C-alpha atoms as a PDB file:
ATOM      1  CA  MET A   1       0.226  -0.419  -0.216  1.00  0.00           C
ATOM      2  CA  VAL A   2       1.100   3.218  -0.868  1.00  0.00           C
ATOM      3  CA  GLY A   3       0.029   6.743  -0.501  1.00  0.00           C
ATOM      4  CA  ALA A   4      -2.362   8.896  -2.442  1.00  0.00           C
ATOM      5  CA  ASP A   5      -3.355  12.709  -3.237  1.00  0.00           C
ATOM      6  CA  HIS A   6      -7.660  12.951  -2.648  1.00  0.00           C
ATOM      7  CA  SER A   7      -9.654  14.055   0.248  1.00  0.00           C
ATOM      8  CA  GLY A   8     -10.642  11.513   2.463  1.00  0.00           C
ATOM      9  CA  ASN A   9     -13.785  12.851   3.743  1.00  0.00           C
ATOM     10  CA  CYS A  10     -17.497  12.674   3.402  1.00  0.00           C
ATOM     11  CA  PRO A  11     -20.236  15.489   4.028  1.00  0.00           C
ATOM     12  CA  GLY A  12     -21.345  14.957   7.319  1.00  0.00           C
ATOM     13  CA  GLY A  13     -24.163  17.625   7.338  1.00  0.00           C
ATOM     14  CA  ALA A  14     -24.045  20.408   9.282  1.00  0.00           C
ATOM     15  CA  HIS A  15     -21.302  21.772   7.967  1.00  0.00           C
ATOM     16  CA  ASN A  16     -19.191  18.804   8.995  1.00  0.00           C
ATOM     17  CA  GLU A  17     -17.405  16.347   7.347  1.00  0.00           C
ATOM     18  CA  ILE A  18     -16.936  13.014   8.602  1.00  0.00           C
ATOM     19  CA  PRO A  19     -13.272  11.434   8.013  1.00  0.00           C
ATOM     20  CA  ASN A  20     -13.060   9.221   5.600  1.00  0.00           C
ATOM     21  CA  GLY A  21      -9.683   7.261   5.690  1.00  0.00           C
ATOM     22  CA  SER A  22      -6.334   8.326   4.071  1.00  0.00           C
ATOM     23  CA  PRO A  23      -6.270   7.564   0.169  1.00  0.00           C
ATOM     24  CA  VAL A  24      -4.442   5.315  -1.270  1.00  0.00           C
ATOM     25  CA  GLY A  25      -2.767   3.261  -4.100  1.00  0.00           C
ATOM     26  CA  PHE A  26      -1.124  -0.635  -4.472  1.00  0.00           C
ATOM     27  CA  ILE A  27       1.636  -1.749  -5.704  1.00  0.00           C
ATOM     28  CA  ILE A  28       0.880  -5.498  -6.870  1.00  0.00           C
ATOM     29  CA  LYS A  29       3.740  -7.987  -7.933  1.00  0.00           C
ATOM     30  CA  PHE A  30       2.787 -11.011  -9.600  1.00  0.00           C
ATOM     31  CA  ASN A  31       4.367 -13.249 -12.519  1.00  0.00           C
ATOM     32  CA  ASN A  32       7.750 -10.990 -12.226  1.00  0.00           C
ATOM     33  CA  ARG A  33       5.536  -7.942 -13.215  1.00  0.00           C
ATOM     34  CA  THR A  34       4.799  -5.264 -11.304  1.00  0.00           C
ATOM     35  CA  LEU A  35       1.457  -3.392 -11.134  1.00  0.00           C
ATOM     36  CA  TYR A  36       1.577   0.411  -9.381  1.00  0.00           C
ATOM     37  CA  HIS A  37      -2.693   1.081  -9.010  1.00  0.00           C
ATOM     38  CA  ALA A  38      -2.711   4.522  -7.970  1.00  0.00           C
ATOM     39  CA  GLY A  39      -6.525   4.848  -6.792  1.00  0.00           C
ATOM     40  CA  ASP A  40      -7.841   7.916  -6.740  1.00  0.00           C
ATOM     41  CA  THR A  41      -5.257  10.586  -6.689  1.00  0.00           C
ATOM     42  CA  ASN A  42      -4.285  14.007  -8.533  1.00  0.00           C
ATOM     43  CA  VAL A  43      -0.439  13.922  -9.860  1.00  0.00           C
ATOM     44  CA  PHE A  44       2.260  14.123  -6.718  1.00  0.00           C
ATOM     45  CA  ASN A  45       6.032  13.904  -6.466  1.00  0.00           C
ATOM     46  CA  ASP A  46       6.257  10.961  -4.103  1.00  0.00           C
ATOM     47  CA  MET A  47       5.232   8.986  -7.737  1.00  0.00           C
ATOM     48  CA  LYS A  48       9.035   9.512  -8.589  1.00  0.00           C
ATOM     49  CA  LEU A  49       9.819   7.220  -5.060  1.00  0.00           C
ATOM     50  CA  ILE A  50       7.346   4.884  -5.899  1.00  0.00           C
ATOM     51  CA  SER A  51       8.729   4.207  -9.548  1.00  0.00           C
ATOM     52  CA  ASP A  52      12.256   4.628  -7.902  1.00  0.00           C
ATOM     53  CA  LEU A  53      11.305   1.749  -5.192  1.00  0.00           C
ATOM     54  CA  TYR A  54       9.363  -0.540  -6.871  1.00  0.00           C
ATOM     55  CA  ASN A  55       9.809   0.100 -10.331  1.00  0.00           C
ATOM     56  CA  PRO A  56       6.477  -0.497 -11.748  1.00  0.00           C
ATOM     57  CA  ASP A  57       6.340  -1.896 -15.225  1.00  0.00           C
ATOM     58  CA  THR A  58       2.769  -1.103 -15.725  1.00  0.00           C
ATOM     59  CA  ALA A  59       0.261   1.394 -14.111  1.00  0.00           C
ATOM     60  CA  LEU A  60      -3.635   2.236 -13.645  1.00  0.00           C
ATOM     61  CA  LEU A  61      -3.811   5.968 -13.337  1.00  0.00           C
ATOM     62  CA  PRO A  62      -7.366   7.888 -13.344  1.00  0.00           C
ATOM     63  CA  ILE A  63      -7.987  10.727 -15.568  1.00  0.00           C
ATOM     64  CA  GLY A  64     -11.348  11.657 -15.069  1.00  0.00           C
ATOM     65  CA  GLY A  65     -10.286  15.291 -13.945  1.00  0.00           C
ATOM     66  CA  HIS A  66     -12.572  16.228 -11.573  1.00  0.00           C
ATOM     67  CA  PHE A  67     -11.346  14.361  -8.471  1.00  0.00           C
ATOM     68  CA  THR A  68      -8.625  12.892  -9.742  1.00  0.00           C
ATOM     69  CA  MET A  69      -6.308  13.998 -11.907  1.00  0.00           C
ATOM     70  CA  ALA A  70      -6.947  14.995 -15.825  1.00  0.00           C
ATOM     71  CA  PRO A  71      -5.138  13.444 -18.917  1.00  0.00           C
ATOM     72  CA  LYS A  72      -2.308  16.064 -19.284  1.00  0.00           C
ATOM     73  CA  GLU A  73      -1.509  15.254 -15.308  1.00  0.00           C
ATOM     74  CA  ALA A  74      -1.630  11.344 -16.008  1.00  0.00           C
ATOM     75  CA  ALA A  75       0.716  12.647 -19.096  1.00  0.00           C
ATOM     76  CA  TYR A  76       3.300  14.502 -16.595  1.00  0.00           C
ATOM     77  CA  ALA A  77       3.160  11.584 -14.021  1.00  0.00           C
ATOM     78  CA  LEU A  78       4.431   9.271 -16.724  1.00  0.00           C
ATOM     79  CA  THR A  79       6.921  11.061 -18.406  1.00  0.00           C
ATOM     80  CA  ASN A  80       8.530  12.970 -15.268  1.00  0.00           C
ATOM     81  CA  LEU A  81       7.665  10.969 -12.256  1.00  0.00           C
ATOM     82  CA  LEU A  82       6.650   7.071 -12.874  1.00  0.00           C
ATOM     83  CA  ARG A  83      10.048   6.653 -15.639  1.00  0.00           C
ATOM     84  CA  SER A  84       9.601   2.641 -15.065  1.00  0.00           C
ATOM     85  CA  VAL A  85       5.843   2.317 -16.600  1.00  0.00           C
ATOM     86  CA  CYS A  86       6.294   1.086 -20.102  1.00  0.00           C
ATOM     87  CA  VAL A  87       2.538   0.566 -20.125  1.00  0.00           C
ATOM     88  CA  CYS A  88      -0.163   2.621 -18.834  1.00  0.00           C
ATOM     89  CA  TYR A  89      -4.242   1.673 -18.418  1.00  0.00           C
ATOM     90  CA  PRO A  90      -6.545   4.734 -17.868  1.00  0.00           C
ATOM     91  CA  MET A  91      -9.393   4.586 -15.613  1.00  0.00           C
ATOM     92  CA  HIS A  92     -12.101   6.448 -13.439  1.00  0.00           C
ATOM     93  CA  PHE A  93     -13.377   8.134 -16.598  1.00  0.00           C
ATOM     94  CA  LEU A  94     -16.617   8.905 -18.779  1.00  0.00           C
ATOM     95  CA  THR A  95     -18.119   6.633 -15.499  1.00  0.00           C
ATOM     96  CA  PHE A  96     -20.317   9.910 -14.495  1.00  0.00           C
ATOM     97  CA  PRO A  97     -20.821  12.965 -16.430  1.00  0.00           C
ATOM     98  CA  ILE A  98     -18.551  15.115 -13.990  1.00  0.00           C
ATOM     99  CA  LEU A  99     -15.657  12.641 -15.107  1.00  0.00           C
ATOM    100  CA  LYS A 100     -15.056  14.049 -18.496  1.00  0.00           C
ATOM    101  CA  GLY A 101     -11.366  12.968 -19.282  1.00  0.00           C
ATOM    102  CA  ASN A 102     -10.987  10.813 -22.234  1.00  0.00           C
ATOM    103  CA  VAL A 103      -7.971   8.726 -23.439  1.00  0.00           C
END
Protein backbone atom coordinates (compact mmCIF):
# COMPACT_ATOMS: atom_id res chain seq x y z
CA MET A 1 0.00 0.00 0.00
CA VAL A 2 1.36 3.42 -0.97
CA GLY A 3 0.08 6.95 -0.54
CA ALA A 4 -2.18 8.91 -2.86
CA ASP A 5 -3.34 12.53 -3.02
CA HIS A 6 -7.11 12.81 -2.68
CA SER A 7 -9.56 14.15 -0.12
CA GLY A 8 -10.77 11.57 2.34
CA ASN A 9 -13.90 13.16 3.78
CA CYS A 10 -17.62 12.75 3.24
CA PRO A 11 -20.28 15.38 3.89
CA GLY A 12 -21.58 14.94 7.42
CA GLY A 13 -24.35 17.51 7.61
CA ALA A 14 -24.41 20.76 9.57
CA HIS A 15 -21.18 21.91 7.83
CA ASN A 16 -19.20 19.01 9.26
CA GLU A 17 -17.22 16.43 7.38
CA ILE A 18 -16.78 12.84 8.43
CA PRO A 19 -13.23 11.49 8.07
CA ASN A 20 -13.26 8.69 5.54
CA GLY A 21 -9.71 7.35 5.80
CA SER A 22 -6.50 8.06 3.94
CA PRO A 23 -6.22 7.85 0.16
CA VAL A 24 -4.00 5.01 -1.04
CA GLY A 25 -2.67 3.20 -4.07
CA PHE A 26 -1.24 -0.30 -4.35
CA ILE A 27 1.88 -2.00 -5.65
CA ILE A 28 1.03 -5.50 -6.85
CA LYS A 29 3.73 -7.99 -7.87
CA PHE A 30 2.89 -11.08 -9.93
CA ASN A 31 4.57 -13.23 -12.60
CA ASN A 32 7.73 -11.09 -12.60
CA ARG A 33 5.62 -7.98 -13.24
CA THR A 34 4.93 -5.02 -10.99
CA LEU A 35 1.69 -3.06 -11.23
CA TYR A 36 1.06 0.34 -9.69
CA HIS A 37 -2.66 0.97 -9.08
CA ALA A 38 -2.72 4.67 -8.25
CA GLY A 39 -6.25 4.68 -6.81
CA ASP A 40 -8.14 7.97 -6.79
CA THR A 41 -5.35 10.51 -6.87
CA ASN A 42 -3.93 13.61 -8.39
CA VAL A 43 -0.35 13.73 -9.60
CA PHE A 44 2.10 14.12 -6.69
CA ASN A 45 5.90 14.05 -6.35
CA ASP A 46 6.00 10.81 -4.34
CA MET A 47 5.13 8.99 -7.57
CA LYS A 48 8.85 9.30 -8.34
CA LEU A 49 9.64 7.48 -5.08
CA ILE A 50 7.15 4.78 -6.00
CA SER A 51 8.86 4.37 -9.36
CA ASP A 52 12.37 4.38 -7.85
CA LEU A 53 11.57 1.95 -5.03
CA TYR A 54 9.22 -0.53 -6.70
CA ASN A 55 9.99 -0.17 -10.43
CA PRO A 56 6.44 -0.76 -11.68
CA ASP A 57 6.30 -1.61 -15.37
CA THR A 58 2.52 -1.18 -15.60
CA ALA A 59 0.30 1.51 -14.09
CA LEU A 60 -3.40 2.20 -13.70
CA LEU A 61 -3.86 5.98 -13.54
CA PRO A 62 -7.10 7.94 -13.16
CA ILE A 63 -7.84 10.56 -15.83
CA GLY A 64 -11.33 11.76 -14.89
CA GLY A 65 -10.16 15.31 -14.28
CA HIS A 66 -12.49 16.32 -11.48
CA PHE A 67 -11.84 14.31 -8.34
CA THR A 68 -8.58 12.93 -9.76
CA MET A 69 -5.92 13.94 -12.22
CA ALA A 70 -6.87 14.71 -15.82
CA PRO A 71 -5.12 13.28 -18.89
CA LYS A 72 -2.59 16.16 -18.83
CA GLU A 73 -1.51 15.38 -15.26
CA ALA A 74 -1.38 11.62 -15.97
CA ALA A 75 0.87 12.29 -18.97
CA TYR A 76 3.11 14.45 -16.77
CA ALA A 77 3.29 11.70 -14.14
CA LEU A 78 4.28 9.11 -16.75
CA THR A 79 6.85 11.34 -18.43
CA ASN A 80 8.49 12.84 -15.36
CA LEU A 81 7.76 10.73 -12.27
CA LEU A 82 6.87 7.14 -13.18
CA ARG A 83 9.89 6.55 -15.44
CA SER A 84 9.84 2.75 -14.95
CA VAL A 85 6.30 2.39 -16.37
CA CYS A 86 6.09 1.01 -19.94
CA VAL A 87 2.33 0.35 -20.11
CA CYS A 88 -0.42 2.51 -18.63
CA TYR A 89 -4.15 1.88 -18.49
CA PRO A 90 -6.44 4.87 -17.90
CA MET A 91 -9.20 4.53 -15.32
CA HIS A 92 -11.84 6.57 -13.48
CA PHE A 93 -13.14 8.44 -16.52
CA LEU A 94 -16.55 8.73 -18.22
CA THR A 95 -18.17 6.70 -15.44
CA PHE A 96 -20.47 9.60 -14.65
CA PRO A 97 -20.90 13.03 -16.31
CA ILE A 98 -18.49 15.07 -14.17
CA LEU A 99 -15.54 12.77 -15.05
CA LYS A 100 -14.93 14.10 -18.54
CA GLY A 101 -11.34 12.98 -19.13
CA ASN A 102 -10.85 10.70 -22.08
CA VAL A 103 -8.05 8.70 -23.60
